[in-house]
Protein backbone atom coordinates (compact mmCIF):
# COMPACT_ATOMS: atom_id res chain seq x y z
CA MET A 1 -1.07 -23.42 -45.72
CA PHE A 2 -3.54 -20.56 -43.86
CA SER A 3 -3.44 -17.22 -45.25
CA ILE A 4 -2.43 -13.85 -43.54
CA GLY A 5 -6.22 -13.25 -42.81
CA ASP A 6 -6.91 -16.63 -41.21
CA PHE A 7 -4.15 -16.75 -39.66
CA ALA A 8 -4.70 -13.94 -38.06
CA ARG A 9 -7.79 -14.90 -36.92
CA LEU A 10 -6.84 -18.00 -35.41
CA GLY A 11 -4.34 -16.08 -33.98
CA LEU A 12 -6.62 -13.47 -32.28
CA VAL A 13 -4.51 -10.65 -33.74
CA SER A 14 -4.53 -8.21 -36.52
CA VAL A 15 -3.50 -8.16 -40.19
CA ARG A 16 -1.65 -4.99 -39.62
CA MET A 17 0.33 -7.14 -36.50
CA LEU A 18 1.65 -9.85 -38.80
CA ARG A 19 2.38 -7.11 -42.08
CA HIS A 20 4.38 -5.36 -39.15
CA TYR A 21 6.14 -8.46 -36.84
CA ASP A 22 6.95 -9.12 -40.23
CA ALA A 23 8.45 -6.16 -41.64
CA ILE A 24 10.75 -5.93 -38.67
CA GLY A 25 11.80 -10.04 -38.62
CA LEU A 26 10.14 -10.46 -35.39
CA LEU A 27 8.09 -13.25 -37.52
CA ARG A 28 8.54 -14.59 -40.95
CA PRO A 29 5.47 -15.72 -43.00
CA ALA A 30 6.51 -19.77 -44.34
CA HIS A 31 5.57 -18.66 -47.71
CA VAL A 32 5.14 -14.68 -49.79
CA ASP A 33 4.46 -16.13 -52.61
CA PRO A 34 6.78 -14.07 -55.67
CA ALA A 35 4.24 -13.03 -58.13
CA THR A 36 0.92 -12.07 -56.38
CA GLY A 37 2.86 -11.12 -52.41
CA TYR A 38 -0.12 -13.08 -50.56
CA ARG A 39 1.73 -14.15 -47.71
CA SER A 40 0.76 -18.08 -45.84
CA TYR A 41 1.92 -18.91 -42.66
CA GLN A 42 1.82 -23.16 -40.96
CA ALA A 43 0.14 -23.72 -38.05
CA GLU A 44 2.96 -24.24 -35.97
CA GLN A 45 4.21 -20.83 -36.60
CA LEU A 46 1.26 -20.32 -33.47
CA ALA A 47 3.10 -20.93 -30.87
CA ARG A 48 5.38 -18.22 -31.57
CA LEU A 49 2.86 -16.04 -32.07
CA ASN A 50 1.42 -16.54 -28.89
CA ARG A 51 5.11 -16.03 -26.76
CA ILE A 52 5.50 -12.71 -28.95
CA VAL A 53 2.25 -11.74 -27.79
CA ALA A 54 2.50 -12.82 -23.52
CA ILE A 55 6.09 -11.67 -24.20
CA LYS A 56 4.43 -7.84 -25.28
CA ASP A 57 1.86 -8.09 -23.68
CA LEU A 58 3.90 -8.02 -20.30
CA GLY A 59 5.26 -4.78 -21.28
CA PHE A 60 8.43 -5.36 -22.88
CA THR A 61 9.07 -4.21 -25.97
CA LEU A 62 9.29 -6.21 -29.64
CA GLU A 63 13.46 -5.61 -29.24
CA GLN A 64 13.12 -6.84 -25.82
CA VAL A 65 10.44 -9.99 -27.37
CA ARG A 66 12.98 -10.98 -30.24
CA ALA A 67 16.03 -11.34 -27.72
CA ILE A 68 14.18 -13.14 -25.46
CA LEU A 69 12.77 -15.30 -28.13
CA ASP A 70 16.22 -16.57 -29.62
CA GLU A 71 16.83 -17.62 -26.35
CA LYS A 72 14.37 -19.89 -26.56
CA VAL A 73 12.48 -19.36 -23.54
CA SER A 74 10.31 -22.81 -21.81
CA THR A 75 6.90 -22.49 -20.90
CA GLU A 76 7.98 -22.47 -16.95
CA GLU A 77 10.11 -19.06 -17.47
CA LEU A 78 7.31 -17.92 -19.19
CA HIS A 79 5.06 -18.47 -16.09
CA GLY A 80 7.87 -17.29 -13.87
CA MET A 81 7.40 -13.97 -15.84
CA VAL A 82 4.09 -13.71 -15.83
CA ARG A 83 3.94 -14.20 -12.13
CA LEU A 84 6.92 -11.92 -11.86
CA ARG A 85 5.01 -9.05 -13.50
CA ARG A 86 1.23 -9.88 -11.88
CA ALA A 87 3.18 -9.03 -8.97
CA GLU A 88 4.63 -5.56 -10.63
CA LEU A 89 1.49 -5.19 -11.53
CA GLU A 90 -0.70 -5.49 -8.68
CA ALA A 91 1.45 -3.40 -6.07
CA ARG A 92 1.04 -0.54 -8.53
CA ILE A 93 -2.52 -1.09 -8.79
CA SER A 94 -2.20 -1.64 -4.82
CA ALA A 95 -0.21 2.01 -4.84
CA ASP A 96 -2.34 4.22 -7.08
CA LEU A 97 -5.80 2.81 -5.13
CA ALA A 98 -4.02 4.37 -2.18
CA ARG A 99 -3.09 7.18 -3.44
CA LEU A 100 -6.43 7.73 -4.67
CA ARG A 101 -8.57 7.32 -1.25
CA SER A 102 -5.71 9.75 -0.13
CA VAL A 103 -6.81 12.00 -2.47
CA GLU A 104 -10.15 11.46 -1.63
CA ALA A 105 -9.45 12.18 2.37
CA ARG A 106 -8.15 15.38 1.68
CA LEU A 107 -10.41 16.37 -0.32
CA ARG A 108 -12.88 15.80 2.44
CA THR A 109 -10.84 17.49 4.85
CA ILE A 110 -10.96 20.80 2.65
CA GLU A 111 -14.64 20.20 2.70
CA THR A 112 -14.44 20.45 6.75
CA GLU A 113 -12.23 23.79 6.45
CA GLY A 114 -14.70 26.55 8.40
CA HIS A 115 -16.59 23.51 9.82
CA MET A 116 -13.81 22.60 12.56
CA ARG A 117 -14.80 20.33 15.52
CA THR A 118 -13.26 22.21 18.17
CA ALA A 119 -15.62 22.67 20.77
CA GLU A 120 -15.40 18.72 21.06
CA VAL A 121 -11.62 19.09 22.37
CA VAL A 122 -11.21 18.16 25.95
CA LEU A 123 -7.63 18.76 28.03
CA LYS A 124 -6.53 16.02 30.21
CA ARG A 125 -3.96 13.86 31.67
CA VAL A 126 -2.38 11.49 30.60
CA GLU A 127 -1.44 8.50 32.51
CA PRO A 128 1.68 6.46 32.13
CA VAL A 129 0.89 2.87 30.74
CA ARG A 130 3.49 0.08 30.43
CA VAL A 131 3.33 -1.58 27.35
CA ALA A 132 4.28 -4.32 24.59
CA GLN A 133 5.89 -2.40 21.74
CA LEU A 134 6.78 -3.52 17.92
CA ALA A 135 8.70 -1.02 15.62
CA ALA A 136 8.99 0.16 12.15
CA ARG A 137 9.82 2.81 9.59
CA ALA A 138 7.06 4.39 7.26
CA ALA A 139 8.53 7.00 4.94
CA SER A 140 6.30 9.75 5.81
CA TYR A 141 2.97 10.74 7.17
CA GLN A 142 0.78 10.43 4.08
CA GLY A 143 -2.03 7.47 4.77
CA GLU A 144 -0.73 5.19 1.88
CA ASP A 145 2.60 4.71 3.82
CA ILE A 146 1.60 5.20 7.37
CA GLY A 147 -1.04 2.96 6.41
CA PRO A 148 0.65 -0.58 5.48
CA VAL A 149 2.73 -0.24 8.06
CA ILE A 150 0.98 0.45 11.22
CA GLY A 151 -1.94 -2.44 10.55
CA PRO A 152 0.92 -5.66 10.14
CA LEU A 153 2.78 -4.15 12.39
CA PHE A 154 -0.22 -4.62 15.11
CA GLU A 155 -0.79 -7.84 13.70
CA GLU A 156 2.62 -9.13 14.47
CA LEU A 157 2.27 -7.63 17.87
CA CYS A 158 -1.03 -9.16 18.69
CA ARG A 159 0.72 -12.94 17.51
CA ARG A 160 3.36 -12.07 19.66
CA VAL A 161 1.60 -11.19 22.67
CA ALA A 162 -0.78 -14.33 22.48
CA ALA A 163 2.10 -16.80 21.60
CA ALA A 164 3.67 -14.80 25.17
CA CYS A 165 0.80 -15.92 27.14
CA VAL A 166 1.02 -12.46 27.52
CA ARG A 167 -2.77 -10.49 29.03
CA ILE A 168 -3.65 -7.28 26.83
CA ALA A 169 -4.40 -4.35 29.52
CA GLY A 170 -6.00 -1.80 27.65
CA PRO A 171 -6.80 -0.63 24.22
CA GLY A 172 -3.95 -0.09 21.37
CA ILE A 173 -1.54 2.48 21.16
CA ALA A 174 0.04 4.18 18.31
CA HIS A 175 2.57 6.54 18.10
CA TYR A 176 5.53 8.38 15.87
CA ARG A 177 8.60 9.75 15.66
CA GLU A 178 10.36 11.60 12.97
CA GLU A 179 13.63 10.72 12.53
CA ALA A 180 16.64 12.54 11.05
CA ASP A 181 16.29 11.74 7.47
CA GLY A 182 12.14 12.42 7.59
CA SER A 183 11.40 8.82 7.72
CA ILE A 184 9.08 8.01 10.31
CA MET A 185 9.44 5.54 13.29
CA VAL A 186 6.12 4.24 13.59
CA HIS A 187 5.64 2.58 16.51
CA ALA A 188 2.54 -0.31 17.88
CA CYS A 189 2.10 -0.46 21.27
CA LEU A 190 -0.47 -2.67 23.24
CA PRO A 191 -0.62 -2.39 27.44
CA VAL A 192 0.71 -4.97 29.14
CA ASN A 193 1.49 -6.01 33.11
CA VAL A 194 4.85 -7.97 32.65
CA ALA A 195 8.05 -6.92 33.66
CA PRO A 196 10.60 -6.13 30.12
CA GLY A 197 13.15 -9.05 29.03
CA GLY A 198 12.70 -12.08 27.65
CA HIS A 199 9.84 -11.68 24.97
CA ASP A 200 10.48 -11.22 20.90
CA PHE A 201 9.12 -7.71 21.35
CA GLU A 202 9.90 -4.64 23.74
CA VAL A 203 8.20 -3.95 27.18
CA VAL A 204 8.76 -0.27 27.36
CA ASP A 205 6.41 2.88 30.01
CA LEU A 206 5.39 5.44 27.69
CA PRO A 207 5.61 8.20 30.49
CA ALA A 208 2.58 10.23 31.41
CA VAL A 209 1.50 13.40 29.45
CA GLU A 210 0.99 16.17 32.55
CA THR A 211 -1.30 17.56 29.89
CA ALA A 212 -3.14 16.34 26.37
CA ALA A 213 -4.91 18.27 23.75
CA THR A 214 -7.90 15.00 23.18
CA ILE A 215 -10.32 14.62 20.31
CA ILE A 216 -12.28 11.53 19.54
CA HIS A 217 -11.94 10.90 16.05
CA HIS A 218 -14.97 8.46 14.53
CA GLY A 219 -13.96 5.97 11.15
CA SER A 220 -11.27 4.76 9.50
CA MET A 221 -8.10 6.58 9.98
CA GLU A 222 -7.78 7.26 6.15
CA ASP A 223 -10.28 10.32 7.18
CA VAL A 224 -8.36 11.52 9.80
CA GLY A 225 -7.56 14.33 8.93
CA PRO A 226 -10.22 16.70 9.51
CA THR A 227 -10.09 15.59 13.17
CA PHE A 228 -6.32 16.44 13.65
CA GLN A 229 -7.18 19.41 12.10
CA ALA A 230 -9.62 20.31 14.31
CA LEU A 231 -7.65 19.72 16.65
CA ALA A 232 -4.48 22.16 15.16
CA HIS A 233 -6.78 24.79 15.21
CA TRP A 234 -8.17 24.26 18.74
CA ILE A 235 -4.46 23.77 19.94
CA GLU A 236 -4.03 27.34 19.01
CA GLU A 237 -6.42 29.43 19.09
CA ASN A 238 -6.27 28.59 23.00
CA GLY A 239 -2.71 30.06 22.73
CA ARG A 240 -1.25 26.38 23.57
CA ARG A 241 1.88 25.39 22.01
CA SER A 242 1.95 21.00 20.94
CA ARG A 243 5.01 19.93 22.46
CA ASP A 244 5.31 16.39 21.08
CA LEU A 245 3.75 13.84 18.37
CA ALA A 246 0.65 12.70 18.58
CA ARG A 247 -0.97 9.02 20.30
CA GLU A 248 -3.42 6.77 19.12
CA ILE A 249 -5.73 4.80 21.88
CA SER A 250 -7.92 2.71 19.10
CA LEU A 251 -11.04 2.71 21.31
CA HIS A 252 -13.19 0.18 19.85
CA CYS A 253 -11.93 -1.92 16.04
CA PRO A 254 -14.39 -3.60 14.50
CA ASP A 255 -13.85 -5.15 11.26
CA ASN A 256 -16.15 -2.19 10.03
CA ARG A 257 -13.54 0.53 9.65
CA ASP A 258 -16.14 2.94 9.83
CA GLU A 259 -16.79 2.28 13.03
CA TRP A 260 -13.81 2.01 14.18
CA VAL A 261 -13.63 4.86 17.15
CA THR A 262 -10.45 6.24 18.59
CA GLU A 263 -8.70 9.22 20.70
CA LEU A 264 -6.11 11.35 19.49
CA GLN A 265 -3.57 12.89 22.06
CA ILE A 266 -1.61 15.61 21.31
CA GLU A 267 0.37 16.73 24.45
CA VAL A 268 0.62 20.97 24.85
CA SER A 269 1.72 23.27 27.22
């Protein structure tokens, strides 16, 4: 038998925690001295303590812990719960980091206010192009919504085009369409010279744009805000009106995203 202090040290918990578990009936001492009230524990009770701590640390309430233990959860079931909780935490951390990057990017946009690169905008005609295309839906234009969609979409499109032995004839193109429910249909495109049909991707012709306001963005697309907003300022200052959603042309996409070069195009009248 072990005193409550020794049992707490062996179980890597606090004496206060053991007293609380006793009070709510979650882990009773093996023996309580009727004269002194001293609690004593047996080594075999460490197994229940381990399960209590593990399940509680997964985010369950103590009442839920009691219910789970009453069902005599197995070690394998505990492993399964841990794997599920890990996936949930990783997804939450990833989402939080994406939001943080979005806030940082928005702050960088704010810092550029009053220093817009409007002098770099070029008007030009964009030629029609035939592309292989895949599409998927994003919740909004926010970076944390677009990023997780457009990257995997291009990866899958590259895989399918390569499997079809189709040669890519130019830089990748991304374009977007807002749906009636406010979501965004994201299109990943690769220029090709093949006929439509017979592939596990669409082959479509993107029409010519007679007049496009264009600007070159250098760096990760997470930091595209100031470049897009410089384009918006130029359009307004020059009495133009945007007619369509933008296209993004990936001119240079090395592994280091800070070295990316992307042309932004907006059709204007």
